[in-house]
N, C-alpha and C. Protein backbone atom coordinates (compact mmCIF):
# COMPACT_ATOMS: atom_id res chain seq x y z
N MET A 1 25.08 -2.02 -43.67
CA MET A 1 25.15 -2.00 -42.22
C MET A 1 24.60 -3.33 -41.71
N PRO A 2 25.29 -3.97 -40.77
CA PRO A 2 24.80 -5.24 -40.23
C PRO A 2 23.44 -5.06 -39.56
N ARG A 3 22.62 -6.12 -39.62
CA ARG A 3 21.26 -6.08 -39.10
C ARG A 3 21.23 -5.70 -37.61
N GLN A 4 22.09 -6.30 -36.77
CA GLN A 4 22.09 -6.03 -35.34
C GLN A 4 22.39 -4.55 -35.07
N GLN A 5 23.32 -3.97 -35.80
CA GLN A 5 23.66 -2.57 -35.60
C GLN A 5 22.47 -1.69 -35.95
N ARG A 6 21.75 -2.01 -37.05
CA ARG A 6 20.56 -1.24 -37.43
C ARG A 6 19.50 -1.31 -36.34
N MET A 7 19.29 -2.52 -35.79
CA MET A 7 18.29 -2.68 -34.73
C MET A 7 18.68 -1.88 -33.50
N ASP A 8 19.97 -1.92 -33.13
CA ASP A 8 20.44 -1.16 -31.98
C ASP A 8 20.20 0.33 -32.19
N GLU A 9 20.49 0.83 -33.38
CA GLU A 9 20.30 2.25 -33.67
C GLU A 9 18.83 2.63 -33.67
N GLU A 10 17.95 1.73 -34.17
CA GLU A 10 16.52 2.01 -34.20
C GLU A 10 15.94 2.11 -32.80
N HIS A 11 16.51 1.36 -31.86
CA HIS A 11 15.98 1.35 -30.51
C HIS A 11 16.82 2.16 -29.52
N ALA A 12 17.78 2.86 -30.02
CA ALA A 12 18.62 3.69 -29.15
C ALA A 12 17.78 4.84 -28.61
N PRO A 13 17.91 5.16 -27.33
CA PRO A 13 17.12 6.27 -26.77
C PRO A 13 17.54 7.60 -27.38
N VAL A 14 16.55 8.40 -27.67
CA VAL A 14 16.80 9.73 -28.20
C VAL A 14 16.68 10.69 -27.01
N ASP A 15 17.72 11.43 -26.74
CA ASP A 15 17.72 12.32 -25.60
C ASP A 15 17.20 13.69 -26.01
N ALA A 16 15.94 13.71 -26.43
CA ALA A 16 15.34 14.95 -26.86
C ALA A 16 14.39 15.52 -25.81
N ALA A 17 14.30 14.85 -24.67
CA ALA A 17 13.37 15.30 -23.63
C ALA A 17 13.88 16.59 -23.01
N PRO A 18 12.95 17.47 -22.67
CA PRO A 18 13.36 18.70 -21.99
C PRO A 18 13.90 18.39 -20.60
N MET A 19 14.70 19.29 -20.08
CA MET A 19 15.36 19.08 -18.80
C MET A 19 14.36 18.81 -17.68
N TRP A 20 13.21 19.52 -17.68
CA TRP A 20 12.24 19.31 -16.61
C TRP A 20 11.78 17.87 -16.56
N LEU A 21 11.69 17.22 -17.72
CA LEU A 21 11.24 15.83 -17.76
C LEU A 21 12.28 14.90 -17.13
N HIS A 22 13.54 15.22 -17.32
CA HIS A 22 14.61 14.44 -16.69
C HIS A 22 14.56 14.57 -15.16
N ARG A 23 14.06 15.69 -14.68
CA ARG A 23 14.01 15.94 -13.24
C ARG A 23 12.64 15.61 -12.64
N SER A 24 11.71 15.12 -13.43
CA SER A 24 10.36 14.83 -12.96
C SER A 24 10.39 13.71 -11.92
N VAL A 25 9.73 13.94 -10.79
CA VAL A 25 9.69 12.91 -9.75
C VAL A 25 8.52 11.94 -9.92
N ALA A 26 7.50 12.34 -10.67
CA ALA A 26 6.31 11.49 -10.80
C ALA A 26 6.64 10.09 -11.34
N PRO A 27 7.39 9.96 -12.43
CA PRO A 27 7.70 8.60 -12.90
C PRO A 27 8.51 7.80 -11.87
N LYS A 28 9.43 8.46 -11.20
CA LYS A 28 10.24 7.77 -10.20
C LYS A 28 9.39 7.35 -8.99
N LEU A 29 8.46 8.22 -8.58
CA LEU A 29 7.57 7.88 -7.48
C LEU A 29 6.70 6.68 -7.85
N HIS A 30 6.19 6.70 -9.07
CA HIS A 30 5.35 5.59 -9.55
C HIS A 30 6.14 4.28 -9.53
N LEU A 31 7.33 4.30 -10.07
CA LEU A 31 8.16 3.10 -10.11
C LEU A 31 8.53 2.65 -8.70
N THR A 32 8.86 3.60 -7.84
CA THR A 32 9.22 3.28 -6.46
C THR A 32 8.04 2.64 -5.72
N ALA A 33 6.86 3.25 -5.84
CA ALA A 33 5.67 2.71 -5.17
C ALA A 33 5.35 1.31 -5.69
N LYS A 34 5.41 1.15 -6.99
CA LYS A 34 5.11 -0.16 -7.60
C LYS A 34 6.13 -1.21 -7.16
N SER A 35 7.38 -0.86 -7.14
CA SER A 35 8.44 -1.80 -6.74
C SER A 35 8.35 -2.15 -5.26
N CYS A 36 8.10 -1.15 -4.42
CA CYS A 36 7.97 -1.41 -2.98
C CYS A 36 6.75 -2.27 -2.70
N ARG A 37 5.66 -2.00 -3.40
CA ARG A 37 4.45 -2.83 -3.21
C ARG A 37 4.72 -4.27 -3.63
N ALA A 38 5.37 -4.48 -4.76
CA ALA A 38 5.69 -5.84 -5.22
C ALA A 38 6.61 -6.54 -4.22
N PHE A 39 7.58 -5.82 -3.71
CA PHE A 39 8.51 -6.34 -2.71
C PHE A 39 7.73 -6.81 -1.47
N PHE A 40 6.82 -5.96 -1.01
CA PHE A 40 6.04 -6.25 0.18
C PHE A 40 5.04 -7.37 -0.08
N GLU A 41 4.40 -7.35 -1.25
CA GLU A 41 3.44 -8.41 -1.62
C GLU A 41 4.12 -9.77 -1.59
N GLU A 42 5.35 -9.83 -2.08
CA GLU A 42 6.09 -11.09 -2.11
C GLU A 42 6.30 -11.62 -0.69
N ARG A 43 6.69 -10.75 0.21
CA ARG A 43 6.91 -11.18 1.60
C ARG A 43 5.61 -11.59 2.28
N LEU A 44 4.54 -10.86 2.00
CA LEU A 44 3.24 -11.21 2.58
C LEU A 44 2.73 -12.54 2.03
N ALA A 45 2.95 -12.77 0.74
CA ALA A 45 2.52 -14.03 0.13
C ALA A 45 3.21 -15.22 0.79
N GLU A 46 4.48 -15.03 1.15
CA GLU A 46 5.21 -16.09 1.84
C GLU A 46 4.58 -16.40 3.20
N SER A 47 3.86 -15.42 3.75
CA SER A 47 3.17 -15.61 5.04
C SER A 47 1.70 -15.98 4.85
N GLY A 48 1.30 -16.19 3.61
CA GLY A 48 -0.06 -16.63 3.33
C GLY A 48 -1.11 -15.55 3.31
N THR A 49 -0.71 -14.31 3.02
CA THR A 49 -1.70 -13.24 2.96
C THR A 49 -1.37 -12.27 1.84
N THR A 50 -2.15 -11.20 1.76
CA THR A 50 -1.99 -10.21 0.69
C THR A 50 -1.85 -8.82 1.29
N PHE A 51 -1.44 -7.89 0.44
CA PHE A 51 -1.33 -6.49 0.84
C PHE A 51 -2.70 -5.95 1.27
N ALA A 52 -3.75 -6.32 0.54
CA ALA A 52 -5.10 -5.85 0.88
C ALA A 52 -5.49 -6.29 2.29
N VAL A 53 -5.26 -7.54 2.62
CA VAL A 53 -5.60 -8.04 3.96
C VAL A 53 -4.77 -7.30 5.00
N TRP A 54 -3.48 -7.16 4.73
CA TRP A 54 -2.61 -6.47 5.68
C TRP A 54 -3.08 -5.05 5.95
N THR A 55 -3.43 -4.31 4.91
CA THR A 55 -3.82 -2.91 5.11
C THR A 55 -5.12 -2.79 5.91
N VAL A 56 -6.06 -3.70 5.67
CA VAL A 56 -7.29 -3.68 6.46
C VAL A 56 -6.98 -4.00 7.92
N LEU A 57 -6.22 -5.07 8.16
CA LEU A 57 -5.87 -5.44 9.54
C LEU A 57 -5.13 -4.30 10.24
N ALA A 58 -4.14 -3.73 9.57
CA ALA A 58 -3.33 -2.68 10.19
C ALA A 58 -4.16 -1.43 10.48
N THR A 59 -5.05 -1.06 9.57
CA THR A 59 -5.88 0.12 9.78
C THR A 59 -6.82 -0.08 10.96
N LEU A 60 -7.45 -1.25 11.03
CA LEU A 60 -8.36 -1.53 12.15
C LEU A 60 -7.59 -1.62 13.47
N LYS A 61 -6.37 -2.14 13.42
CA LYS A 61 -5.56 -2.22 14.63
C LYS A 61 -5.19 -0.81 15.12
N MET A 62 -4.80 0.06 14.19
CA MET A 62 -4.39 1.43 14.55
C MET A 62 -5.56 2.31 14.95
N GLU A 63 -6.65 2.23 14.18
CA GLU A 63 -7.76 3.16 14.34
C GLU A 63 -8.92 2.60 15.15
N GLY A 64 -8.95 1.29 15.32
CA GLY A 64 -10.07 0.65 16.02
C GLY A 64 -11.23 0.40 15.07
N PRO A 65 -12.30 -0.20 15.60
CA PRO A 65 -13.47 -0.48 14.75
C PRO A 65 -14.00 0.80 14.12
N MET A 66 -14.48 0.66 12.90
CA MET A 66 -15.04 1.83 12.20
C MET A 66 -16.04 1.37 11.16
N ILE A 67 -16.87 2.30 10.74
CA ILE A 67 -17.84 1.93 9.71
C ILE A 67 -17.10 1.69 8.39
N GLN A 68 -17.71 0.89 7.56
CA GLN A 68 -17.08 0.45 6.32
C GLN A 68 -16.70 1.63 5.43
N ARG A 69 -17.55 2.62 5.36
CA ARG A 69 -17.28 3.80 4.53
C ARG A 69 -16.01 4.52 5.00
N ALA A 70 -15.84 4.64 6.32
CA ALA A 70 -14.64 5.29 6.87
C ALA A 70 -13.39 4.45 6.59
N LEU A 71 -13.54 3.14 6.68
CA LEU A 71 -12.41 2.25 6.39
C LEU A 71 -11.98 2.39 4.93
N ALA A 72 -12.95 2.45 4.03
CA ALA A 72 -12.63 2.64 2.61
C ALA A 72 -11.89 3.96 2.41
N TRP A 73 -12.31 5.00 3.11
CA TRP A 73 -11.65 6.30 3.01
C TRP A 73 -10.21 6.20 3.51
N HIS A 74 -10.00 5.56 4.66
CA HIS A 74 -8.65 5.41 5.22
C HIS A 74 -7.74 4.65 4.26
N LEU A 75 -8.29 3.66 3.58
CA LEU A 75 -7.49 2.83 2.68
C LEU A 75 -7.39 3.41 1.27
N ASN A 76 -8.17 4.47 1.03
CA ASN A 76 -8.21 5.11 -0.29
C ASN A 76 -8.60 4.12 -1.38
N ILE A 77 -9.65 3.33 -1.09
CA ILE A 77 -10.17 2.40 -2.09
C ILE A 77 -11.69 2.57 -2.19
N GLU A 78 -12.25 2.08 -3.27
CA GLU A 78 -13.69 2.17 -3.50
C GLU A 78 -14.44 1.20 -2.60
N GLY A 79 -15.66 1.57 -2.23
CA GLY A 79 -16.49 0.75 -1.38
C GLY A 79 -16.68 -0.68 -1.87
N PRO A 80 -17.02 -0.88 -3.15
CA PRO A 80 -17.21 -2.25 -3.64
C PRO A 80 -15.93 -3.11 -3.56
N THR A 81 -14.79 -2.48 -3.78
CA THR A 81 -13.51 -3.21 -3.65
C THR A 81 -13.32 -3.65 -2.21
N LEU A 82 -13.55 -2.73 -1.27
CA LEU A 82 -13.42 -3.06 0.14
C LEU A 82 -14.41 -4.16 0.52
N SER A 83 -15.64 -4.08 0.02
CA SER A 83 -16.65 -5.10 0.34
C SER A 83 -16.17 -6.49 -0.04
N ARG A 84 -15.55 -6.62 -1.21
CA ARG A 84 -15.03 -7.93 -1.64
C ARG A 84 -13.96 -8.42 -0.68
N HIS A 85 -13.05 -7.51 -0.28
CA HIS A 85 -12.00 -7.90 0.67
C HIS A 85 -12.61 -8.33 2.00
N LEU A 86 -13.58 -7.56 2.48
CA LEU A 86 -14.18 -7.86 3.77
C LEU A 86 -14.96 -9.17 3.75
N GLU A 87 -15.64 -9.45 2.65
CA GLU A 87 -16.36 -10.73 2.54
C GLU A 87 -15.39 -11.90 2.70
N SER A 88 -14.28 -11.82 2.01
CA SER A 88 -13.26 -12.87 2.11
C SER A 88 -12.70 -12.95 3.52
N MET A 89 -12.42 -11.81 4.11
CA MET A 89 -11.85 -11.78 5.45
C MET A 89 -12.85 -12.28 6.50
N GLU A 90 -14.14 -12.01 6.28
CA GLU A 90 -15.16 -12.54 7.19
C GLU A 90 -15.22 -14.06 7.11
N ARG A 91 -15.17 -14.59 5.90
CA ARG A 91 -15.18 -16.05 5.73
C ARG A 91 -14.00 -16.71 6.43
N ARG A 92 -12.87 -16.00 6.48
CA ARG A 92 -11.67 -16.51 7.15
C ARG A 92 -11.68 -16.25 8.65
N GLY A 93 -12.69 -15.52 9.12
CA GLY A 93 -12.81 -15.24 10.54
C GLY A 93 -11.90 -14.14 11.05
N LEU A 94 -11.43 -13.26 10.14
CA LEU A 94 -10.50 -12.20 10.53
C LEU A 94 -11.19 -10.92 10.99
N VAL A 95 -12.36 -10.65 10.41
CA VAL A 95 -13.12 -9.46 10.77
C VAL A 95 -14.59 -9.84 10.90
N VAL A 96 -15.32 -8.96 11.56
CA VAL A 96 -16.76 -9.10 11.65
C VAL A 96 -17.37 -7.74 11.34
N ARG A 97 -18.51 -7.77 10.63
CA ARG A 97 -19.24 -6.54 10.35
C ARG A 97 -20.55 -6.59 11.12
N LYS A 98 -20.82 -5.50 11.84
CA LYS A 98 -22.04 -5.40 12.65
C LYS A 98 -22.77 -4.13 12.26
N ARG A 99 -24.07 -4.22 12.12
CA ARG A 99 -24.87 -3.02 11.85
C ARG A 99 -24.85 -2.13 13.09
N THR A 100 -24.77 -0.82 12.85
CA THR A 100 -24.73 0.12 13.97
C THR A 100 -26.15 0.52 14.35
N ASP A 101 -26.34 0.89 15.61
CA ASP A 101 -27.65 1.34 16.06
C ASP A 101 -27.99 2.70 15.46
N ALA A 102 -26.98 3.53 15.28
CA ALA A 102 -27.20 4.89 14.77
C ALA A 102 -27.68 4.89 13.32
N ASP A 103 -27.15 4.00 12.50
CA ASP A 103 -27.50 3.94 11.08
C ASP A 103 -27.49 2.48 10.66
N ARG A 104 -28.67 1.90 10.55
CA ARG A 104 -28.78 0.48 10.24
C ARG A 104 -28.17 0.13 8.88
N ARG A 105 -27.98 1.12 8.00
CA ARG A 105 -27.36 0.86 6.70
C ARG A 105 -25.84 0.74 6.81
N ALA A 106 -25.28 1.31 7.86
CA ALA A 106 -23.82 1.32 8.03
C ALA A 106 -23.37 0.10 8.82
N ALA A 107 -22.30 -0.52 8.36
CA ALA A 107 -21.74 -1.68 9.07
C ALA A 107 -20.42 -1.28 9.70
N ALA A 108 -20.30 -1.53 11.00
CA ALA A 108 -19.04 -1.30 11.69
C ALA A 108 -18.17 -2.54 11.49
N VAL A 109 -16.91 -2.33 11.17
CA VAL A 109 -15.98 -3.43 10.93
C VAL A 109 -15.01 -3.47 12.09
N GLU A 110 -14.78 -4.67 12.61
CA GLU A 110 -13.80 -4.81 13.68
C GLU A 110 -13.05 -6.13 13.54
N LEU A 111 -11.86 -6.14 14.14
CA LEU A 111 -11.05 -7.35 14.13
C LEU A 111 -11.64 -8.40 15.07
N THR A 112 -11.52 -9.65 14.68
CA THR A 112 -11.85 -10.76 15.57
C THR A 112 -10.57 -11.18 16.29
N GLN A 113 -10.68 -12.14 17.18
CA GLN A 113 -9.47 -12.67 17.84
C GLN A 113 -8.53 -13.27 16.79
N GLU A 114 -9.09 -13.96 15.81
CA GLU A 114 -8.25 -14.53 14.75
C GLU A 114 -7.58 -13.41 13.94
N GLY A 115 -8.31 -12.31 13.70
CA GLY A 115 -7.74 -11.15 13.01
C GLY A 115 -6.60 -10.54 13.80
N GLU A 116 -6.77 -10.47 15.12
CA GLU A 116 -5.71 -9.96 15.99
C GLU A 116 -4.47 -10.86 15.92
N ARG A 117 -4.68 -12.17 15.92
CA ARG A 117 -3.55 -13.11 15.83
C ARG A 117 -2.83 -12.97 14.49
N MET A 118 -3.62 -12.85 13.41
CA MET A 118 -3.00 -12.69 12.10
C MET A 118 -2.23 -11.38 12.02
N TYR A 119 -2.81 -10.31 12.58
CA TYR A 119 -2.10 -9.03 12.60
C TYR A 119 -0.75 -9.19 13.28
N ALA A 120 -0.73 -9.82 14.45
CA ALA A 120 0.51 -9.99 15.22
C ALA A 120 1.54 -10.77 14.41
N ARG A 121 1.09 -11.78 13.69
CA ARG A 121 2.01 -12.59 12.88
C ARG A 121 2.54 -11.78 11.69
N ILE A 122 1.66 -11.06 11.03
CA ILE A 122 2.05 -10.30 9.83
C ILE A 122 2.84 -9.05 10.20
N GLU A 123 2.60 -8.50 11.38
CA GLU A 123 3.34 -7.32 11.81
C GLU A 123 4.84 -7.58 11.76
N LYS A 124 5.25 -8.76 12.15
CA LYS A 124 6.67 -9.11 12.11
C LYS A 124 7.20 -9.09 10.67
N VAL A 125 6.38 -9.59 9.74
CA VAL A 125 6.76 -9.57 8.33
C VAL A 125 6.87 -8.12 7.84
N ALA A 126 5.92 -7.28 8.25
CA ALA A 126 5.92 -5.87 7.83
C ALA A 126 7.14 -5.13 8.37
N ILE A 127 7.46 -5.38 9.63
CA ILE A 127 8.62 -4.72 10.24
C ILE A 127 9.90 -5.15 9.54
N GLU A 128 10.04 -6.44 9.29
CA GLU A 128 11.24 -6.94 8.61
C GLU A 128 11.31 -6.42 7.17
N GLY A 129 10.16 -6.39 6.49
CA GLY A 129 10.13 -5.86 5.12
C GLY A 129 10.53 -4.40 5.07
N GLN A 130 10.02 -3.62 6.00
CA GLN A 130 10.39 -2.20 6.04
C GLN A 130 11.88 -2.05 6.33
N ARG A 131 12.39 -2.87 7.25
CA ARG A 131 13.82 -2.81 7.56
C ARG A 131 14.65 -3.10 6.31
N GLU A 132 14.24 -4.09 5.53
CA GLU A 132 14.96 -4.41 4.30
C GLU A 132 14.86 -3.27 3.28
N MET A 133 13.67 -2.70 3.13
CA MET A 133 13.48 -1.62 2.16
C MET A 133 14.31 -0.40 2.51
N LEU A 134 14.47 -0.14 3.80
CA LEU A 134 15.15 1.07 4.24
C LEU A 134 16.60 0.82 4.64
N GLN A 135 17.12 -0.32 4.24
CA GLN A 135 18.52 -0.66 4.54
C GLN A 135 19.43 0.45 4.00
N GLY A 136 20.33 0.91 4.85
CA GLY A 136 21.26 1.96 4.45
C GLY A 136 20.76 3.37 4.72
N PHE A 137 19.50 3.49 5.15
CA PHE A 137 18.94 4.79 5.50
C PHE A 137 19.15 5.01 7.00
N SER A 138 19.57 6.20 7.37
CA SER A 138 19.68 6.54 8.79
C SER A 138 18.30 6.93 9.31
N ASP A 139 18.17 7.02 10.63
CA ASP A 139 16.91 7.48 11.22
C ASP A 139 16.57 8.88 10.70
N LYS A 140 17.61 9.71 10.55
CA LYS A 140 17.40 11.07 10.03
C LYS A 140 16.92 11.03 8.58
N ASP A 141 17.49 10.14 7.78
CA ASP A 141 17.05 9.97 6.38
C ASP A 141 15.57 9.59 6.33
N ILE A 142 15.19 8.65 7.17
CA ILE A 142 13.81 8.15 7.18
C ILE A 142 12.85 9.25 7.62
N GLU A 143 13.24 10.02 8.62
CA GLU A 143 12.42 11.14 9.08
C GLU A 143 12.27 12.18 7.97
N LEU A 144 13.36 12.48 7.29
CA LEU A 144 13.32 13.43 6.18
C LEU A 144 12.44 12.90 5.04
N LEU A 145 12.62 11.64 4.69
CA LEU A 145 11.81 11.04 3.62
C LEU A 145 10.33 11.11 3.95
N ASN A 146 9.96 10.73 5.18
CA ASN A 146 8.56 10.80 5.59
C ASN A 146 8.03 12.23 5.51
N GLY A 147 8.81 13.17 5.96
CA GLY A 147 8.39 14.57 5.90
C GLY A 147 8.19 15.05 4.47
N LEU A 148 9.11 14.69 3.60
CA LEU A 148 9.01 15.09 2.19
C LEU A 148 7.78 14.45 1.53
N LEU A 149 7.55 13.18 1.81
CA LEU A 149 6.39 12.50 1.24
C LEU A 149 5.09 13.11 1.77
N ASP A 150 5.05 13.46 3.05
CA ASP A 150 3.87 14.12 3.62
C ASP A 150 3.62 15.45 2.92
N ARG A 151 4.68 16.22 2.70
CA ARG A 151 4.54 17.51 2.00
C ARG A 151 4.04 17.31 0.58
N LEU A 152 4.58 16.32 -0.09
CA LEU A 152 4.16 16.02 -1.46
C LEU A 152 2.69 15.62 -1.50
N LEU A 153 2.28 14.76 -0.57
CA LEU A 153 0.86 14.38 -0.49
C LEU A 153 -0.02 15.58 -0.22
N GLY A 154 0.45 16.47 0.64
CA GLY A 154 -0.30 17.70 0.92
C GLY A 154 -0.44 18.58 -0.31
N ASN A 155 0.60 18.64 -1.11
CA ASN A 155 0.57 19.46 -2.32
C ASN A 155 -0.40 18.95 -3.36
N VAL A 156 -0.59 17.65 -3.42
CA VAL A 156 -1.48 17.09 -4.43
C VAL A 156 -2.88 16.83 -3.89
N GLY A 157 -3.09 17.20 -2.63
CA GLY A 157 -4.44 17.13 -2.08
C GLY A 157 -4.88 15.77 -1.57
N SER A 158 -3.96 14.84 -1.39
CA SER A 158 -4.33 13.54 -0.84
C SER A 158 -4.30 13.62 0.67
N ASP A 159 -5.22 12.88 1.29
CA ASP A 159 -5.31 12.93 2.76
C ASP A 159 -4.42 11.91 3.42
């Protein structure tokens, strides 16, 4: 048997997986999330920023100033990871952290004027990126997709 044919046969997929595995959404969701994030990261990089910066700016814009612990919860990231992002963003003048009167250990995070300007600039990139990602989807499709994803998140206990 020729060498190439043997190699092809050795690496040929074996369809021994049970039917439920063929219908599993978890691998597809993982691949979709990873691909969409990479797609979005690429567009943000072209604008001189990162997904992490965008999510902090967008959360503070939507929710307003909040303590660092609440921001970490909203972003579903660990406190030390958020602290690193915020330190960098503070150096760039995008956010400011202020100690609260109620709890001197807690720092309230808020956007600066420069953070507001960056948000406005990146918002256009986010809107265009979403438009590209959802090309070919109707408004009804998007509403259905959002509803299904919300139900799925509810089923797995994510907030």
